[in-house]
Amino acid sequence: QVQLVESGGGLVQPGGSLRLSCVASRSISSIYAMGWYRQAPGKQRELVAQITSGGRTNYADSVKGRFTISRDNAKNTVYLQMNSLEPDDTAVYYCHAVQGGSWYWGQGTQVTVSS
């Protein structure tokens, strides 16, 4: 079992930046993969970015070149640096972890991009 707590969401203008953090309740060094999904109103939840324990990353095409995922095993934390934010990035962002065939989710953090 692992509990995940996200933070860092908020309201930002188009072109701005935010950094999301996801803190796990235990060591993440052995967790196979962690990352972020998002869900906008009326849309399905979609993968934003994921990073494996070996450091391999995967991004949605819509965020490549703008978002960067990283993990700090010493702090049991995964980050999502979001730059050049667009209104279409508005959504609830959920941290997730995959371990032993099980998926774990955080409660979500709202990101709103609006002028």
C-alpha atoms as a PDB file:
ATOM      1  CA  GLN A   1       0.000   0.000   0.000  1.00  0.00           C
ATOM      2  CA  VAL A   2       1.079   3.549  -0.661  1.00  0.00           C
ATOM      3  CA  GLN A   3      -0.723   6.821  -0.035  1.00  0.00           C
ATOM      4  CA  LEU A   4      -0.088   9.748  -2.367  1.00  0.00           C
ATOM      5  CA  VAL A   5      -0.605  13.427  -1.598  1.00  0.00           C
ATOM      6  CA  GLU A   6      -0.448  16.046  -4.344  1.00  0.00           C
ATOM      7  CA  SER A   7       0.173  19.767  -4.009  1.00  0.00           C
ATOM      8  CA  GLY A   8       1.095  22.736  -6.164  1.00  0.00           C
ATOM      9  CA  GLY A   9      -2.037  23.282  -8.204  1.00  0.00           C
ATOM     10  CA  GLY A  10      -3.687  26.647  -8.630  1.00  0.00           C
ATOM     11  CA  LEU A  11      -4.723  29.383 -11.016  1.00  0.00           C
ATOM     12  CA  VAL A  12      -2.169  30.587 -13.559  1.00  0.00           C
ATOM     13  CA  GLN A  13      -2.292  32.757 -16.657  1.00  0.00           C
ATOM     14  CA  PRO A  14      -1.611  31.313 -20.110  1.00  0.00           C
ATOM     15  CA  GLY A  15       2.115  31.033 -20.666  1.00  0.00           C
ATOM     16  CA  GLY A  16       2.784  30.660 -16.957  1.00  0.00           C
ATOM     17  CA  SER A  17       4.329  27.826 -14.968  1.00  0.00           C
ATOM     18  CA  LEU A  18       3.450  25.573 -12.061  1.00  0.00           C
ATOM     19  CA  ARG A  19       5.217  22.723 -10.317  1.00  0.00           C
ATOM     20  CA  LEU A  20       3.173  19.867  -8.924  1.00  0.00           C
ATOM     21  CA  SER A  21       4.503  17.633  -6.167  1.00  0.00           C
ATOM     22  CA  CYS A  22       3.401  14.161  -5.136  1.00  0.00           C
ATOM     23  CA  VAL A  23       4.642  12.827  -1.819  1.00  0.00           C
ATOM     24  CA  ALA A  24       4.375   9.105  -1.138  1.00  0.00           C
ATOM     25  CA  SER A  25       3.829   7.544   2.290  1.00  0.00           C
ATOM     26  CA  ARG A  26       6.791   5.216   1.842  1.00  0.00           C
ATOM     27  CA  SER A  27      10.001   4.832  -0.103  1.00  0.00           C
ATOM     28  CA  ILE A  28       9.466   5.150  -3.830  1.00  0.00           C
ATOM     29  CA  SER A  29      12.809   3.724  -4.909  1.00  0.00           C
ATOM     30  CA  SER A  30      11.270   0.325  -5.610  1.00  0.00           C
ATOM     31  CA  ILE A  31       7.978   1.538  -7.045  1.00  0.00           C
ATOM     32  CA  TYR A  32       7.902   0.498 -10.702  1.00  0.00           C
ATOM     33  CA  ALA A  33       6.349   3.667 -12.091  1.00  0.00           C
ATOM     34  CA  MET A  34       4.906   6.936 -10.885  1.00  0.00           C
ATOM     35  CA  GLY A  35       3.411   9.837 -12.681  1.00  0.00           C
ATOM     36  CA  TRP A  36       0.478  12.063 -13.450  1.00  0.00           C
ATOM     37  CA  TYR A  37      -2.879  11.746 -15.116  1.00  0.00           C
ATOM     38  CA  ARG A  38      -5.365  14.552 -15.623  1.00  0.00           C
ATOM     39  CA  GLN A  39      -9.095  14.834 -16.113  1.00  0.00           C
ATOM     40  CA  ALA A  40     -10.871  17.847 -17.557  1.00  0.00           C
ATOM     41  CA  PRO A  41     -14.640  18.361 -17.163  1.00  0.00           C
ATOM     42  CA  GLY A  42     -16.557  16.067 -19.491  1.00  0.00           C
ATOM     43  CA  LYS A  43     -13.412  14.249 -20.631  1.00  0.00           C
ATOM     44  CA  GLN A  44     -11.761  10.956 -19.809  1.00  0.00           C
ATOM     45  CA  ARG A  45      -8.752  10.751 -17.538  1.00  0.00           C
ATOM     46  CA  GLU A  46      -5.578  10.818 -19.631  1.00  0.00           C
ATOM     47  CA  LEU A  47      -1.914  10.142 -19.032  1.00  0.00           C
ATOM     48  CA  VAL A  48       0.227  13.260 -18.783  1.00  0.00           C
ATOM     49  CA  ALA A  49       3.635  11.892 -17.828  1.00  0.00           C
ATOM     50  CA  GLN A  50       5.171   8.857 -16.198  1.00  0.00           C
ATOM     51  CA  ILE A  51       8.611   7.940 -14.881  1.00  0.00           C
ATOM     52  CA  THR A  52       9.890   4.472 -14.034  1.00  0.00           C
ATOM     53  CA  SER A  53      12.215   3.438 -11.218  1.00  0.00           C
ATOM     54  CA  GLY A  54      14.963   3.323 -13.828  1.00  0.00           C
ATOM     55  CA  GLY A  55      14.327   6.904 -14.869  1.00  0.00           C
ATOM     56  CA  ARG A  56      12.613   6.199 -18.185  1.00  0.00           C
ATOM     57  CA  THR A  57       9.996   8.837 -18.987  1.00  0.00           C
ATOM     58  CA  ASN A  58       6.873   8.912 -21.111  1.00  0.00           C
ATOM     59  CA  TYR A  59       4.834  11.995 -22.040  1.00  0.00           C
ATOM     60  CA  ALA A  60       1.549  12.729 -23.736  1.00  0.00           C
ATOM     61  CA  ASP A  61       2.158  14.333 -27.120  1.00  0.00           C
ATOM     62  CA  SER A  62       0.245  17.420 -26.023  1.00  0.00           C
ATOM     63  CA  VAL A  63       2.744  18.225 -23.252  1.00  0.00           C
ATOM     64  CA  LYS A  64       6.063  17.192 -24.816  1.00  0.00           C
ATOM     65  CA  GLY A  65       8.558  20.027 -24.658  1.00  0.00           C
ATOM     66  CA  ARG A  66       6.511  21.896 -22.043  1.00  0.00           C
ATOM     67  CA  PHE A  67       6.256  19.520 -19.066  1.00  0.00           C
ATOM     68  CA  THR A  68       9.037  17.679 -17.264  1.00  0.00           C
ATOM     69  CA  ILE A  69       8.596  14.836 -14.793  1.00  0.00           C
ATOM     70  CA  SER A  70      11.230  13.953 -12.216  1.00  0.00           C
ATOM     71  CA  ARG A  71      11.539  11.933  -9.038  1.00  0.00           C
ATOM     72  CA  ASP A  72      13.533  12.427  -5.845  1.00  0.00           C
ATOM     73  CA  ASN A  73      13.808   9.068  -4.145  1.00  0.00           C
ATOM     74  CA  ALA A  74      15.362  10.614  -1.024  1.00  0.00           C
ATOM     75  CA  LYS A  75      12.220  12.722  -0.528  1.00  0.00           C
ATOM     76  CA  ASN A  76       9.738  10.076  -1.725  1.00  0.00           C
ATOM     77  CA  THR A  77       8.488  12.703  -4.140  1.00  0.00           C
ATOM     78  CA  VAL A  78       7.627  12.976  -7.814  1.00  0.00           C
ATOM     79  CA  TYR A  79       7.435  16.364  -9.494  1.00  0.00           C
ATOM     80  CA  LEU A  80       5.760  17.704 -12.609  1.00  0.00           C
ATOM     81  CA  GLN A  81       7.208  20.961 -13.860  1.00  0.00           C
ATOM     82  CA  MET A  82       4.679  22.573 -16.199  1.00  0.00           C
ATOM     83  CA  ASN A  83       5.785  25.467 -18.408  1.00  0.00           C
ATOM     84  CA  SER A  84       4.059  27.398 -21.177  1.00  0.00           C
ATOM     85  CA  LEU A  85       0.687  26.443 -19.761  1.00  0.00           C
ATOM     86  CA  GLU A  86      -2.345  26.649 -22.020  1.00  0.00           C
ATOM     87  CA  PRO A  87      -6.080  26.836 -21.254  1.00  0.00           C
ATOM     88  CA  ASP A  88      -6.407  23.235 -22.511  1.00  0.00           C
ATOM     89  CA  ASP A  89      -4.160  22.150 -19.625  1.00  0.00           C
ATOM     90  CA  THR A  90      -6.966  23.019 -17.209  1.00  0.00           C
ATOM     91  CA  ALA A  91      -7.888  19.851 -15.320  1.00  0.00           C
ATOM     92  CA  VAL A  92      -7.630  17.982 -12.063  1.00  0.00           C
ATOM     93  CA  TYR A  93      -4.189  16.374 -11.953  1.00  0.00           C
ATOM     94  CA  TYR A  94      -3.851  13.019 -10.210  1.00  0.00           C
ATOM     95  CA  CYS A  95      -0.650  11.424  -9.036  1.00  0.00           C
ATOM     96  CA  HIS A  96      -0.430   7.674  -9.497  1.00  0.00           C
ATOM     97  CA  ALA A  97       1.897   4.824  -8.606  1.00  0.00           C
ATOM     98  CA  VAL A  98       2.149   1.339 -10.088  1.00  0.00           C
ATOM     99  CA  GLN A  99       3.568  -1.452  -7.982  1.00  0.00           C
ATOM    100  CA  GLY A 100       3.063  -5.190  -8.086  1.00  0.00           C
ATOM    101  CA  GLY A 101       0.187  -4.915 -10.507  1.00  0.00           C
ATOM    102  CA  SER A 102      -1.699  -2.489  -8.289  1.00  0.00           C
ATOM    103  CA  TRP A 103      -2.473   1.130  -9.030  1.00  0.00           C
ATOM    104  CA  TYR A 104      -2.600   3.821  -6.368  1.00  0.00           C
ATOM    105  CA  TRP A 105      -4.015   7.334  -6.742  1.00  0.00           C
ATOM    106  CA  GLY A 106      -3.835  10.644  -4.962  1.00  0.00           C
ATOM    107  CA  GLN A 107      -6.853  12.850  -4.306  1.00  0.00           C
ATOM    108  CA  GLY A 108      -6.040  15.240  -7.141  1.00  0.00           C
ATOM    109  CA  THR A 109      -5.072  18.886  -7.410  1.00  0.00           C
ATOM    110  CA  GLN A 110      -6.828  21.461  -9.568  1.00  0.00           C
ATOM    111  CA  VAL A 111      -4.884  23.339 -12.237  1.00  0.00           C
ATOM    112  CA  THR A 112      -6.688  26.209 -13.932  1.00  0.00           C
ATOM    113  CA  VAL A 113      -5.112  28.149 -16.789  1.00  0.00           C
ATOM    114  CA  SER A 114      -7.028  31.319 -17.489  1.00  0.00           C
ATOM    115  CA  SER A 115      -6.534  35.004 -18.038  1.00  0.00           C
END
